[in-house]
Amino acid sequence: MSGLIALLDDVASISKVAAASIDDVAGQAAKAGAKAAGAVIDDAAVTPKYVHGFKADRELPIVWKIAKGSIFNKLVILLPVALLLSVFAPWAIPPLLMLGGAYLCYEGAHKVASLFHASDAHDSKTHTHPETEGAALEEQRVAGAIKTDFILSAEIMTIALSTIPAADSVLTKALILAIVAIGITVAVYGFVAIIVKADDVGVHLATERGGVLAAIGRGIVKIMPGFMTTLTVVGTAAMIWVGGQIIVHGLHEMGWHAPYDMVHHLAEGAAQALPQAPGLAAWFVTAFCDGVLGLILGLILLPVVHHVVNPVISNVVKPAIAKFRPDTN
């Protein structure tokens, strides 16, 4: 009898340890997902444009295709790469994180700059009546969305990995990254699905129902354009802010402390100036300063990418890849 009691006690102890481990993994996954908020918001803001103009019955299938590609990107490609880096080249994580941060700054600055130029005119011409171009354009749009998702997913997974303690086991890291990958994908593309169908729901309520439901439907149709604009603005701001934050912290870790110290000093001053809400004041000033620095970096990168990176890719990288690609003729 005493042996059975001892066994049950051991089982209870193991269960407590397992439960604590699960709680710890879930908590770290939530923290990692929160740190990647900027890239997540931008992912949600960018994706709806890929279904714009298609027939209503193709919108959700397209979102589903992109979501499946996103899961593949995160779980099959990026998660193993992240684990290999954490084991064999942890020193490479901060530079890669900064590279992703620079990309976020560049993309955000590009969107800001586009507000002052008519450079997106070709977009409206290209996507005026995509429903007439059939399945080929749909596949092209899905492929483009998955490529964009890959870059954002790489940033999300790298940010998530950087929040996990180095002492954690490979299995724990894999579980945390898998939870982040699945959770973020479900949240982003579930949200996107709701967005792209909101107009249809609003029209249905306004035309097929009466009374309060019709008024709600008309309200949905009316607010969606403004909501999409707001989502785009928030997504752009989040990209620039998170990108700047990553760069500032990365430079601090690599030994250049001036940007981090300046932001920290200003945040402390704001906290002292607003004793009623010091945490909020410090956060706002930190986010603002990180955003300004991120925007400046992004604007600097615009001509570099346009005049150096893109020509190198077009004239050197792509021809080199084509040269070693097997002839399919």
C-alpha atoms as a PDB file:
ATOM      1  CA  MET A   1       0.000   0.000   0.000  1.00  0.00           C
ATOM      2  CA  SER A   2       2.824   2.389   0.907  1.00  0.00           C
ATOM      3  CA  GLY A   3       4.442   1.604  -2.453  1.00  0.00           C
ATOM      4  CA  LEU A   4       1.255   2.557  -4.294  1.00  0.00           C
ATOM      5  CA  ILE A   5       1.014   5.815  -2.341  1.00  0.00           C
ATOM      6  CA  ALA A   6       4.643   6.602  -3.157  1.00  0.00           C
ATOM      7  CA  LEU A   7       4.000   5.870  -6.833  1.00  0.00           C
ATOM      8  CA  LEU A   8       0.943   8.138  -6.879  1.00  0.00           C
ATOM      9  CA  ASP A   9       2.985  10.852  -5.152  1.00  0.00           C
ATOM     10  CA  ASP A  10       5.676  10.553  -7.833  1.00  0.00           C
ATOM     11  CA  VAL A  11       3.056  10.751 -10.576  1.00  0.00           C
ATOM     12  CA  ALA A  12       1.574  13.853  -8.954  1.00  0.00           C
ATOM     13  CA  SER A  13       5.021  15.450  -8.742  1.00  0.00           C
ATOM     14  CA  ILE A  14       5.737  14.672 -12.388  1.00  0.00           C
ATOM     15  CA  SER A  15       2.326  16.087 -13.351  1.00  0.00           C
ATOM     16  CA  LYS A  16       3.084  19.302 -11.490  1.00  0.00           C
ATOM     17  CA  VAL A  17       6.440  19.634 -13.257  1.00  0.00           C
ATOM     18  CA  ALA A  18       4.810  18.932 -16.618  1.00  0.00           C
ATOM     19  CA  ALA A  19       2.047  21.458 -15.931  1.00  0.00           C
ATOM     20  CA  ALA A  20       4.619  24.064 -14.906  1.00  0.00           C
ATOM     21  CA  SER A  21       6.600  23.364 -18.081  1.00  0.00           C
ATOM     22  CA  ILE A  22       3.478  23.747 -20.218  1.00  0.00           C
ATOM     23  CA  ASP A  23       2.641  27.016 -18.464  1.00  0.00           C
ATOM     24  CA  ASP A  24       6.213  28.210 -18.980  1.00  0.00           C
ATOM     25  CA  VAL A  25       6.149  27.327 -22.692  1.00  0.00           C
ATOM     26  CA  ALA A  26       2.762  29.017 -23.153  1.00  0.00           C
ATOM     27  CA  GLY A  27       3.951  32.106 -21.286  1.00  0.00           C
ATOM     28  CA  GLN A  28       7.134  32.374 -23.333  1.00  0.00           C
ATOM     29  CA  ALA A  29       5.163  31.850 -26.539  1.00  0.00           C
ATOM     30  CA  ALA A  30       2.800  34.693 -25.590  1.00  0.00           C
ATOM     31  CA  LYS A  31       5.765  36.936 -24.786  1.00  0.00           C
ATOM     32  CA  ALA A  32       7.486  36.050 -28.056  1.00  0.00           C
ATOM     33  CA  GLY A  33       4.300  36.711 -30.046  1.00  0.00           C
ATOM     34  CA  ALA A  34       3.857  40.090 -28.360  1.00  0.00           C
ATOM     35  CA  LYS A  35       7.443  41.092 -29.226  1.00  0.00           C
ATOM     36  CA  ALA A  36       6.729  40.348 -32.885  1.00  0.00           C
ATOM     37  CA  ALA A  37       3.630  42.566 -32.895  1.00  0.00           C
ATOM     38  CA  GLY A  38       4.976  45.011 -35.487  1.00  0.00           C
ATOM     39  CA  ALA A  39       5.555  42.374 -38.142  1.00  0.00           C
ATOM     40  CA  VAL A  40       2.253  40.676 -37.222  1.00  0.00           C
ATOM     41  CA  ILE A  41       0.237  43.882 -37.646  1.00  0.00           C
ATOM     42  CA  ASP A  42       1.904  44.588 -40.961  1.00  0.00           C
ATOM     43  CA  ASP A  43       1.214  41.033 -42.141  1.00  0.00           C
ATOM     44  CA  ALA A  44      -2.481  41.558 -41.396  1.00  0.00           C
ATOM     45  CA  ALA A  45      -2.428  44.964 -43.092  1.00  0.00           C
ATOM     46  CA  VAL A  46      -0.636  43.796 -46.242  1.00  0.00           C
ATOM     47  CA  THR A  47      -2.486  40.554 -47.027  1.00  0.00           C
ATOM     48  CA  PRO A  48      -5.984  41.899 -47.934  1.00  0.00           C
ATOM     49  CA  LYS A  49      -4.599  43.618 -51.036  1.00  0.00           C
ATOM     50  CA  TYR A  50      -3.839  40.223 -52.581  1.00  0.00           C
ATOM     51  CA  VAL A  51      -7.547  39.322 -52.760  1.00  0.00           C
ATOM     52  CA  HIS A  52      -8.695  42.764 -53.914  1.00  0.00           C
ATOM     53  CA  GLY A  53     -10.766  42.632 -57.099  1.00  0.00           C
ATOM     54  CA  PHE A  54     -11.474  38.906 -57.206  1.00  0.00           C
ATOM     55  CA  LYS A  55     -14.970  37.480 -57.166  1.00  0.00           C
ATOM     56  CA  ALA A  56     -16.458  37.057 -53.705  1.00  0.00           C
ATOM     57  CA  ASP A  57     -16.453  33.254 -53.906  1.00  0.00           C
ATOM     58  CA  ARG A  58     -12.670  33.225 -54.490  1.00  0.00           C
ATOM     59  CA  GLU A  59     -11.679  35.489 -51.592  1.00  0.00           C
ATOM     60  CA  LEU A  60     -11.671  32.928 -48.770  1.00  0.00           C
ATOM     61  CA  PRO A  61     -10.031  30.181 -50.885  1.00  0.00           C
ATOM     62  CA  ILE A  62      -7.229  32.627 -51.701  1.00  0.00           C
ATOM     63  CA  VAL A  63      -6.781  33.540 -48.040  1.00  0.00           C
ATOM     64  CA  TRP A  64      -6.694  29.818 -47.204  1.00  0.00           C
ATOM     65  CA  LYS A  65      -3.993  29.165 -49.816  1.00  0.00           C
ATOM     66  CA  ILE A  66      -1.869  32.009 -48.430  1.00  0.00           C
ATOM     67  CA  ALA A  67      -2.400  30.778 -44.857  1.00  0.00           C
ATOM     68  CA  LYS A  68      -1.231  27.266 -45.810  1.00  0.00           C
ATOM     69  CA  GLY A  69       1.843  28.760 -47.469  1.00  0.00           C
ATOM     70  CA  SER A  70       2.490  30.811 -44.331  1.00  0.00           C
ATOM     71  CA  ILE A  71       2.329  27.734 -42.084  1.00  0.00           C
ATOM     72  CA  PHE A  72       4.724  25.920 -44.449  1.00  0.00           C
ATOM     73  CA  ASN A  73       7.101  28.889 -44.349  1.00  0.00           C
ATOM     74  CA  LYS A  74       7.135  28.979 -40.564  1.00  0.00           C
ATOM     75  CA  LEU A  75       7.059  25.303 -39.574  1.00  0.00           C
ATOM     76  CA  VAL A  76       8.866  23.518 -42.401  1.00  0.00           C
ATOM     77  CA  ILE A  77      11.508  26.084 -43.391  1.00  0.00           C
ATOM     78  CA  LEU A  78      12.012  28.764 -40.752  1.00  0.00           C
ATOM     79  CA  LEU A  79      11.564  26.761 -37.528  1.00  0.00           C
ATOM     80  CA  PRO A  80      14.338  24.215 -38.336  1.00  0.00           C
ATOM     81  CA  VAL A  81      16.627  27.029 -39.511  1.00  0.00           C
ATOM     82  CA  ALA A  82      15.970  28.962 -36.284  1.00  0.00           C
ATOM     83  CA  LEU A  83      16.767  25.892 -34.160  1.00  0.00           C
ATOM     84  CA  LEU A  84      19.975  25.213 -36.089  1.00  0.00           C
ATOM     85  CA  LEU A  85      21.045  28.821 -35.585  1.00  0.00           C
ATOM     86  CA  SER A  86      20.299  28.656 -31.856  1.00  0.00           C
ATOM     87  CA  VAL A  87      22.470  25.526 -31.507  1.00  0.00           C
ATOM     88  CA  PHE A  88      25.346  26.086 -33.944  1.00  0.00           C
ATOM     89  CA  ALA A  89      25.448  29.840 -34.587  1.00  0.00           C
ATOM     90  CA  PRO A  90      23.716  31.812 -31.824  1.00  0.00           C
ATOM     91  CA  TRP A  91      26.073  34.713 -32.612  1.00  0.00           C
ATOM     92  CA  ALA A  92      24.286  35.091 -35.974  1.00  0.00           C
ATOM     93  CA  ILE A  93      20.870  35.783 -34.430  1.00  0.00           C
ATOM     94  CA  PRO A  94      21.428  39.474 -33.470  1.00  0.00           C
ATOM     95  CA  PRO A  95      22.816  40.445 -36.925  1.00  0.00           C
ATOM     96  CA  LEU A  96      19.970  38.594 -38.641  1.00  0.00           C
ATOM     97  CA  LEU A  97      17.506  40.298 -36.324  1.00  0.00           C
ATOM     98  CA  MET A  98      19.006  43.672 -37.224  1.00  0.00           C
ATOM     99  CA  LEU A  99      18.867  42.801 -40.916  1.00  0.00           C
ATOM    100  CA  GLY A 100      15.171  42.053 -40.501  1.00  0.00           C
ATOM    101  CA  GLY A 101      14.738  45.278 -38.537  1.00  0.00           C
ATOM    102  CA  ALA A 102      16.388  47.220 -41.365  1.00  0.00           C
ATOM    103  CA  TYR A 103      13.993  45.555 -43.805  1.00  0.00           C
ATOM    104  CA  LEU A 104      11.009  46.635 -41.683  1.00  0.00           C
ATOM    105  CA  CYS A 105      12.362  50.211 -41.603  1.00  0.00           C
ATOM    106  CA  TYR A 106      12.862  50.164 -45.371  1.00  0.00           C
ATOM    107  CA  GLU A 107       9.368  48.805 -46.095  1.00  0.00           C
ATOM    108  CA  GLY A 108       7.786  51.311 -43.726  1.00  0.00           C
ATOM    109  CA  ALA A 109       9.729  54.212 -45.216  1.00  0.00           C
ATOM    110  CA  HIS A 110       8.802  53.024 -48.706  1.00  0.00           C
ATOM    111  CA  LYS A 111       5.117  53.183 -47.784  1.00  0.00           C
ATOM    112  CA  VAL A 112       5.551  56.643 -46.277  1.00  0.00           C
ATOM    113  CA  ALA A 113       7.428  57.870 -49.352  1.00  0.00           C
ATOM    114  CA  SER A 114       4.718  56.469 -51.627  1.00  0.00           C
ATOM    115  CA  LEU A 115       2.262  58.907 -50.056  1.00  0.00           C
ATOM    116  CA  PHE A 116       4.187  61.731 -51.710  1.00  0.00           C
ATOM    117  CA  HIS A 117       4.575  60.103 -55.127  1.00  0.00           C
ATOM    118  CA  ALA A 118       2.268  58.581 -57.689  1.00  0.00           C
ATOM    119  CA  SER A 119       4.543  55.540 -57.886  1.00  0.00           C
ATOM    120  CA  ASP A 120       1.729  53.135 -57.134  1.00  0.00           C
ATOM    121  CA  ALA A 121      -0.291  54.032 -60.209  1.00  0.00           C
ATOM    122  CA  HIS A 122       0.808  50.844 -61.956  1.00  0.00           C
ATOM    123  CA  ASP A 123      -0.774  48.909 -59.095  1.00  0.00           C
ATOM    124  CA  SER A 124      -4.249  50.167 -59.886  1.00  0.00           C
ATOM    125  CA  LYS A 125      -3.791  49.471 -63.578  1.00  0.00           C
ATOM    126  CA  THR A 126      -2.519  45.977 -62.939  1.00  0.00           C
ATOM    127  CA  HIS A 127      -5.304  45.007 -60.571  1.00  0.00           C
ATOM    128  CA  THR A 128      -8.319  46.751 -62.047  1.00  0.00           C
ATOM    129  CA  HIS A 129     -10.217  43.660 -63.213  1.00  0.00           C
ATOM    130  CA  PRO A 130      -8.330  40.597 -62.006  1.00  0.00           C
ATOM    131  CA  GLU A 131     -11.451  38.460 -62.169  1.00  0.00           C
ATOM    132  CA  THR A 132     -11.196  38.485 -65.963  1.00  0.00           C
ATOM    133  CA  GLU A 133      -7.693  37.017 -65.920  1.00  0.00           C
ATOM    134  CA  GLY A 134      -8.651  33.720 -64.272  1.00  0.00           C
ATOM    135  CA  ALA A 135      -6.671  31.193 -62.320  1.00  0.00           C
ATOM    136  CA  ALA A 136      -3.255  32.333 -63.591  1.00  0.00           C
ATOM    137  CA  LEU A 137      -3.502  35.688 -61.865  1.00  0.00           C
ATOM    138  CA  GLU A 138      -4.848  34.037 -58.721  1.00  0.00           C
ATOM    139  CA  GLU A 139      -1.811  31.769 -58.534  1.00  0.00           C
ATOM    140  CA  GLN A 140       0.453  34.730 -59.223  1.00  0.00           C
ATOM    141  CA  ARG A 141      -1.152  36.719 -56.409  1.00  0.00           C
ATOM    142  CA  VAL A 142      -0.935  33.774 -53.979  1.00  0.00           C
ATOM    143  CA  ALA A 143       2.731  33.202 -54.847  1.00  0.00           C
ATOM    144  CA  GLY A 144       3.477  36.900 -54.310  1.00  0.00           C
ATOM    145  CA  ALA A 145       1.654  36.902 -50.971  1.00  0.00           C
ATOM    146  CA  ILE A 146       3.548  33.808 -49.781  1.00  0.00           C
ATOM    147  CA  LYS A 147       6.877  35.393 -50.730  1.00  0.00           C
ATOM    148  CA  THR A 148       5.997  38.527 -48.777  1.00  0.00           C
ATOM    149  CA  ASP A 149       4.805  36.362 -45.893  1.00  0.00           C
ATOM    150  CA  PHE A 150       8.121  34.494 -45.893  1.00  0.00           C
ATOM    151  CA  ILE A 151      10.045  37.695 -45.199  1.00  0.00           C
ATOM    152  CA  LEU A 152       7.638  38.797 -42.468  1.00  0.00           C
ATOM    153  CA  SER A 153       7.512  35.272 -41.018  1.00  0.00           C
ATOM    154  CA  ALA A 154      11.313  35.133 -40.907  1.00  0.00           C
ATOM    155  CA  GLU A 155      11.285  38.338 -38.900  1.00  0.00           C
ATOM    156  CA  ILE A 156       8.552  37.017 -36.589  1.00  0.00           C
ATOM    157  CA  MET A 157      10.398  33.757 -35.944  1.00  0.00           C
ATOM    158  CA  THR A 158      13.736  35.522 -35.392  1.00  0.00           C
ATOM    159  CA  ILE A 159      12.157  37.960 -32.931  1.00  0.00           C
ATOM    160  CA  ALA A 160      10.455  35.060 -31.161  1.00  0.00           C
ATOM    161  CA  LEU A 161      13.721  33.105 -30.979  1.00  0.00           C
ATOM    162  CA  SER A 162      15.543  36.110 -29.512  1.00  0.00           C
ATOM    163  CA  THR A 163      13.124  36.184 -26.551  1.00  0.00           C
ATOM    164  CA  ILE A 164      13.681  32.521 -25.592  1.00  0.00           C
ATOM    165  CA  PRO A 165      16.358  31.962 -22.914  1.00  0.00           C
ATOM    166  CA  ALA A 166      19.474  30.380 -24.394  1.00  0.00           C
ATOM    167  CA  ALA A 167      19.484  27.806 -21.594  1.00  0.00           C
ATOM    168  CA  ASP A 168      16.181  26.302 -22.727  1.00  0.00           C
ATOM    169  CA  SER A 169      16.342  22.923 -24.430  1.00  0.00           C
ATOM    170  CA  VAL A 170      15.980  22.530 -28.172  1.00  0.00           C
ATOM    171  CA  LEU A 171      12.630  20.798 -27.616  1.00  0.00           C
ATOM    172  CA  THR A 172      11.343  23.711 -25.518  1.00  0.00           C
ATOM    173  CA  LYS A 173      12.482  26.194 -28.159  1.00  0.00           C
ATOM    174  CA  ALA A 174      10.811  24.123 -30.880  1.00  0.00           C
ATOM    175  CA  LEU A 175       7.526  24.000 -28.933  1.00  0.00           C
ATOM    176  CA  ILE A 176       7.556  27.745 -28.278  1.00  0.00           C
ATOM    177  CA  LEU A 177       8.329  28.583 -31.915  1.00  0.00           C
ATOM    178  CA  ALA A 178       5.667  26.142 -33.154  1.00  0.00           C
ATOM    179  CA  ILE A 179       3.043  27.683 -30.852  1.00  0.00           C
ATOM    180  CA  VAL A 180       4.037  31.180 -32.012  1.00  0.00           C
ATOM    181  CA  ALA A 181       3.942  30.105 -35.667  1.00  0.00           C
ATOM    182  CA  ILE A 182       0.529  28.456 -35.487  1.00  0.00           C
ATOM    183  CA  GLY A 183      -1.012  31.037 -33.175  1.00  0.00           C
ATOM    184  CA  ILE A 184       0.119  34.030 -35.213  1.00  0.00           C
ATOM    185  CA  THR A 185      -0.893  32.436 -38.514  1.00  0.00           C
ATOM    186  CA  VAL A 186      -4.385  31.590 -37.233  1.00  0.00           C
ATOM    187  CA  ALA A 187      -4.792  35.069 -35.744  1.00  0.00           C
ATOM    188  CA  VAL A 188      -3.518  36.940 -38.807  1.00  0.00           C
ATOM    189  CA  TYR A 189      -5.360  35.016 -41.501  1.00  0.00           C
ATOM    190  CA  GLY A 190      -8.510  34.616 -39.421  1.00  0.00           C
ATOM    191  CA  PHE A 191      -8.513  38.389 -39.062  1.00  0.00           C
ATOM    192  CA  VAL A 192      -7.816  38.822 -42.788  1.00  0.00           C
ATOM    193  CA  ALA A 193     -10.719  36.491 -43.644  1.00  0.00           C
ATOM    194  CA  ILE A 194     -13.048  38.582 -41.491  1.00  0.00           C
ATOM    195  CA  ILE A 195     -11.824  41.789 -43.140  1.00  0.00           C
ATOM    196  CA  VAL A 196     -12.215  40.624 -46.731  1.00  0.00           C
ATOM    197  CA  LYS A 197     -15.739  39.299 -46.113  1.00  0.00           C
ATOM    198  CA  ALA A 198     -16.935  42.216 -43.972  1.00  0.00           C
ATOM    199  CA  ASP A 199     -18.202  44.176 -46.999  1.00  0.00           C
ATOM    200  CA  ASP A 200     -20.189  41.191 -48.264  1.00  0.00           C
ATOM    201  CA  VAL A 201     -21.711  40.628 -44.832  1.00  0.00           C
ATOM    202  CA  GLY A 202     -22.589  44.306 -44.607  1.00  0.00           C
ATOM    203  CA  VAL A 203     -24.228  44.345 -48.037  1.00  0.00           C
ATOM    204  CA  HIS A 204     -26.176  41.164 -47.211  1.00  0.00           C
ATOM    205  CA  LEU A 205     -27.491  42.614 -43.971  1.00  0.00           C
ATOM    206  CA  ALA A 206     -28.371  45.920 -45.617  1.00  0.00           C
ATOM    207  CA  THR A 207     -30.270  44.363 -48.536  1.00  0.00           C
ATOM    208  CA  GLU A 208     -31.697  41.127 -47.153  1.00  0.00           C
ATOM    209  CA  ARG A 209     -32.605  42.186 -43.638  1.00  0.00           C
ATOM    210  CA  GLY A 210     -34.549  45.034 -42.137  1.00  0.00           C
ATOM    211  CA  GLY A 211     -34.524  47.270 -39.107  1.00  0.00           C
ATOM    212  CA  VAL A 212     -31.488  47.184 -36.838  1.00  0.00           C
ATOM    213  CA  LEU A 213     -29.621  44.530 -38.877  1.00  0.00           C
ATOM    214  CA  ALA A 214     -29.947  46.614 -42.042  1.00  0.00           C
ATOM    215  CA  ALA A 215     -28.585  49.639 -40.201  1.00  0.00           C
ATOM    216  CA  ILE A 216     -25.651  47.552 -38.918  1.00  0.00           C
ATOM    217  CA  GLY A 217     -24.999  46.330 -42.462  1.00  0.00           C
ATOM    218  CA  ARG A 218     -24.944  49.872 -43.842  1.00  0.00           C
ATOM    219  CA  GLY A 219     -22.635  50.879 -41.004  1.00  0.00           C
ATOM    220  CA  ILE A 220     -20.201  48.060 -41.830  1.00  0.00           C
ATOM    221  CA  VAL A 221     -20.107  49.022 -45.505  1.00  0.00           C
ATOM    222  CA  LYS A 222     -19.580  52.653 -44.578  1.00  0.00           C
ATOM    223  CA  ILE A 223     -16.744  52.183 -42.089  1.00  0.00           C
ATOM    224  CA  MET A 224     -14.720  49.502 -43.899  1.00  0.00           C
ATOM    225  CA  PRO A 225     -12.804  51.858 -46.266  1.00  0.00           C
ATOM    226  CA  GLY A 226     -11.754  54.011 -43.317  1.00  0.00           C
ATOM    227  CA  PHE A 227     -10.934  50.928 -41.278  1.00  0.00           C
ATOM    228  CA  MET A 228      -8.681  49.579 -44.020  1.00  0.00           C
ATOM    229  CA  THR A 229      -6.904  52.934 -44.265  1.00  0.00           C
ATOM    230  CA  THR A 230      -6.416  52.991 -40.490  1.00  0.00           C
ATOM    231  CA  LEU A 231      -5.129  49.416 -40.522  1.00  0.00           C
ATOM    232  CA  THR A 232      -2.586  50.307 -43.201  1.00  0.00           C
ATOM    233  CA  VAL A 233      -1.397  53.355 -41.253  1.00  0.00           C
ATOM    234  CA  VAL A 234      -1.116  51.362 -38.015  1.00  0.00           C
ATOM    235  CA  GLY A 235       0.714  48.563 -39.831  1.00  0.00           C
ATOM    236  CA  THR A 236       3.200  50.992 -41.353  1.00  0.00           C
ATOM    237  CA  ALA A 237       3.796  52.749 -38.031  1.00  0.00           C
ATOM    238  CA  ALA A 238       4.278  49.399 -36.293  1.00  0.00           C
ATOM    239  CA  MET A 239       6.821  48.298 -38.904  1.00  0.00           C
ATOM    240  CA  ILE A 240       8.882  51.456 -38.488  1.00  0.00           C
ATOM    241  CA  TRP A 241       8.647  51.410 -34.690  1.00  0.00           C
ATOM    242  CA  VAL A 242       9.578  47.734 -34.280  1.00  0.00           C
ATOM    243  CA  GLY A 243      12.312  47.993 -36.919  1.00  0.00           C
ATOM    244  CA  GLY A 244      13.824  51.005 -35.177  1.00  0.00           C
ATOM    245  CA  GLN A 245      13.583  49.281 -31.796  1.00  0.00           C
ATOM    246  CA  ILE A 246      15.398  46.215 -33.122  1.00  0.00           C
ATOM    247  CA  ILE A 247      18.189  48.350 -34.604  1.00  0.00           C
ATOM    248  CA  VAL A 248      18.623  50.447 -31.440  1.00  0.00           C
ATOM    249  CA  HIS A 249      18.802  47.371 -29.187  1.00  0.00           C
ATOM    250  CA  GLY A 250      21.052  45.536 -31.655  1.00  0.00           C
ATOM    251  CA  LEU A 251      23.531  48.405 -31.798  1.00  0.00           C
ATOM    252  CA  HIS A 252      23.483  48.571 -27.993  1.00  0.00           C
ATOM    253  CA  GLU A 253      24.335  44.865 -27.740  1.00  0.00           C
ATOM    254  CA  MET A 254      27.124  45.271 -30.309  1.00  0.00           C
ATOM    255  CA  GLY A 255      28.782  48.076 -28.346  1.00  0.00           C
ATOM    256  CA  TRP A 256      27.393  51.321 -29.799  1.00  0.00           C
ATOM    257  CA  HIS A 257      25.353  52.617 -26.882  1.00  0.00           C
ATOM    258  CA  ALA A 258      24.645  56.207 -27.963  1.00  0.00           C
ATOM    259  CA  PRO A 259      21.217  55.670 -29.640  1.00  0.00           C
ATOM    260  CA  TYR A 260      19.972  53.404 -26.835  1.00  0.00           C
ATOM    261  CA  ASP A 261      21.243  55.755 -24.109  1.00  0.00           C
ATOM    262  CA  MET A 262      19.639  58.768 -25.793  1.00  0.00           C
ATOM    263  CA  VAL A 263      16.235  57.053 -26.060  1.00  0.00           C
ATOM    264  CA  HIS A 264      16.513  55.723 -22.501  1.00  0.00           C
ATOM    265  CA  HIS A 265      17.401  59.184 -21.162  1.00  0.00           C
ATOM    266  CA  LEU A 266      14.440  60.816 -22.913  1.00  0.00           C
ATOM    267  CA  ALA A 267      12.097  58.074 -21.676  1.00  0.00           C
ATOM    268  CA  GLU A 268      13.269  58.570 -18.102  1.00  0.00           C
ATOM    269  CA  GLY A 269      12.716  62.323 -18.436  1.00  0.00           C
ATOM    270  CA  ALA A 270       9.176  61.734 -19.727  1.00  0.00           C
ATOM    271  CA  ALA A 271       8.430  59.356 -16.836  1.00  0.00           C
ATOM    272  CA  GLN A 272       9.568  61.978 -14.304  1.00  0.00           C
ATOM    273  CA  ALA A 273       7.563  64.697 -16.048  1.00  0.00           C
ATOM    274  CA  LEU A 274       4.369  62.626 -15.859  1.00  0.00           C
ATOM    275  CA  PRO A 275       4.381  60.960 -12.410  1.00  0.00           C
ATOM    276  CA  GLN A 276       0.693  60.051 -12.764  1.00  0.00           C
ATOM    277  CA  ALA A 277       1.548  57.543 -15.531  1.00  0.00           C
ATOM    278  CA  PRO A 278       5.348  57.121 -15.709  1.00  0.00           C
ATOM    279  CA  GLY A 279       5.236  53.742 -17.454  1.00  0.00           C
ATOM    280  CA  LEU A 280       2.939  55.004 -20.210  1.00  0.00           C
ATOM    281  CA  ALA A 281       5.012  58.156 -20.697  1.00  0.00           C
ATOM    282  CA  ALA A 282       8.272  56.201 -20.906  1.00  0.00           C
ATOM    283  CA  TRP A 283       6.761  53.690 -23.353  1.00  0.00           C
ATOM    284  CA  PHE A 284       5.323  56.395 -25.606  1.00  0.00           C
ATOM    285  CA  VAL A 285       8.580  58.360 -25.781  1.00  0.00           C
ATOM    286  CA  THR A 286      10.592  55.170 -26.376  1.00  0.00           C
ATOM    287  CA  ALA A 287       8.258  54.061 -29.172  1.00  0.00           C
ATOM    288  CA  PHE A 288       8.273  57.538 -30.722  1.00  0.00           C
ATOM    289  CA  CYS A 289      12.070  57.814 -30.666  1.00  0.00           C
ATOM    290  CA  ASP A 290      12.512  54.278 -32.018  1.00  0.00           C
ATOM    291  CA  GLY A 291      10.016  55.132 -34.755  1.00  0.00           C
ATOM    292  CA  VAL A 292      11.810  58.344 -35.731  1.00  0.00           C
ATOM    293  CA  LEU A 293      15.170  56.578 -35.861  1.00  0.00           C
ATOM    294  CA  GLY A 294      13.596  53.720 -37.823  1.00  0.00           C
ATOM    295  CA  LEU A 295      12.072  56.126 -40.332  1.00  0.00           C
ATOM    296  CA  ILE A 296      15.401  57.944 -40.800  1.00  0.00           C
ATOM    297  CA  LEU A 297      17.180  54.630 -41.406  1.00  0.00           C
ATOM    298  CA  GLY A 298      14.441  53.512 -43.802  1.00  0.00           C
ATOM    299  CA  LEU A 299      14.681  56.736 -45.824  1.00  0.00           C
ATOM    300  CA  ILE A 300      18.468  56.314 -46.027  1.00  0.00           C
ATOM    301  CA  LEU A 301      17.997  52.751 -47.272  1.00  0.00           C
ATOM    302  CA  LEU A 302      15.538  53.724 -50.024  1.00  0.00           C
ATOM    303  CA  PRO A 303      18.148  55.027 -52.516  1.00  0.00           C
ATOM    304  CA  VAL A 304      20.624  52.315 -51.446  1.00  0.00           C
ATOM    305  CA  VAL A 305      18.122  49.565 -52.297  1.00  0.00           C
ATOM    306  CA  HIS A 306      16.964  51.299 -55.485  1.00  0.00           C
ATOM    307  CA  HIS A 307      20.397  52.163 -56.900  1.00  0.00           C
ATOM    308  CA  VAL A 308      22.591  49.401 -55.462  1.00  0.00           C
ATOM    309  CA  VAL A 309      20.740  46.351 -54.125  1.00  0.00           C
ATOM    310  CA  ASN A 310      18.118  45.995 -56.864  1.00  0.00           C
ATOM    311  CA  PRO A 311      20.625  46.407 -59.753  1.00  0.00           C
ATOM    312  CA  VAL A 312      22.944  43.838 -58.141  1.00  0.00           C
ATOM    313  CA  ILE A 313      20.057  41.372 -57.807  1.00  0.00           C
ATOM    314  CA  SER A 314      18.881  41.983 -61.378  1.00  0.00           C
ATOM    315  CA  ASN A 315      22.269  42.059 -63.078  1.00  0.00           C
ATOM    316  CA  VAL A 316      24.365  39.679 -60.964  1.00  0.00           C
ATOM    317  CA  VAL A 317      22.327  37.391 -58.711  1.00  0.00           C
ATOM    318  CA  LYS A 318      19.515  36.453 -61.091  1.00  0.00           C
ATOM    319  CA  PRO A 319      21.841  35.775 -64.082  1.00  0.00           C
ATOM    320  CA  ALA A 320      24.070  33.658 -61.817  1.00  0.00           C
ATOM    321  CA  ILE A 321      21.088  31.616 -60.661  1.00  0.00           C
ATOM    322  CA  ALA A 322      19.850  31.233 -64.234  1.00  0.00           C
ATOM    323  CA  LYS A 323      23.321  30.097 -65.337  1.00  0.00           C
ATOM    324  CA  PHE A 324      23.334  27.160 -62.911  1.00  0.00           C
ATOM    325  CA  ARG A 325      19.671  26.291 -63.356  1.00  0.00           C
ATOM    326  CA  PRO A 326      19.164  23.088 -65.371  1.00  0.00           C
ATOM    327  CA  ASP A 327      18.028  23.676 -68.931  1.00  0.00           C
ATOM    328  CA  THR A 328      14.384  22.622 -69.166  1.00  0.00           C
ATOM    329  CA  ASN A 329      14.176  22.861 -72.922  1.00  0.00           C
END
